[in-house]
Amino acid sequence: MFVIVTYDINEKRVNKVRKILKKYFTWVQNSVFEGEITYGKLEKCKRELLSVIEKDEDSVYFYEMDYKLVCNKKVLGQEKNYDSVII
């Protein structure tokens, strides 16, 4: 499946969340990841995130599409790739 992930995380935990998401997805913009993933890996990712986030304060949104062909991505301006920025 193809998944787009967005998040709003307290700055105390945001690097941990970004590090987890980086293992499973491609970072495309601040607070946005995307990529192909299996159902099993997606569930593993969600479990890891739940161990880091504070449910009362943080939020993570998953837009799950069974087929990437359903999602037609258009970019206005420069398409960014932050893969080389994350240390």
Foldseek 3Di string as FASTA:
>chain_A
DKKKKFKDADPVQVVVLVVLVVVAFFDWDVRITIDDDDPVVVVVSVVSVVVGGDVVGMDMDMDDDPDCVVDDDDDDPDGDGCPVVRD
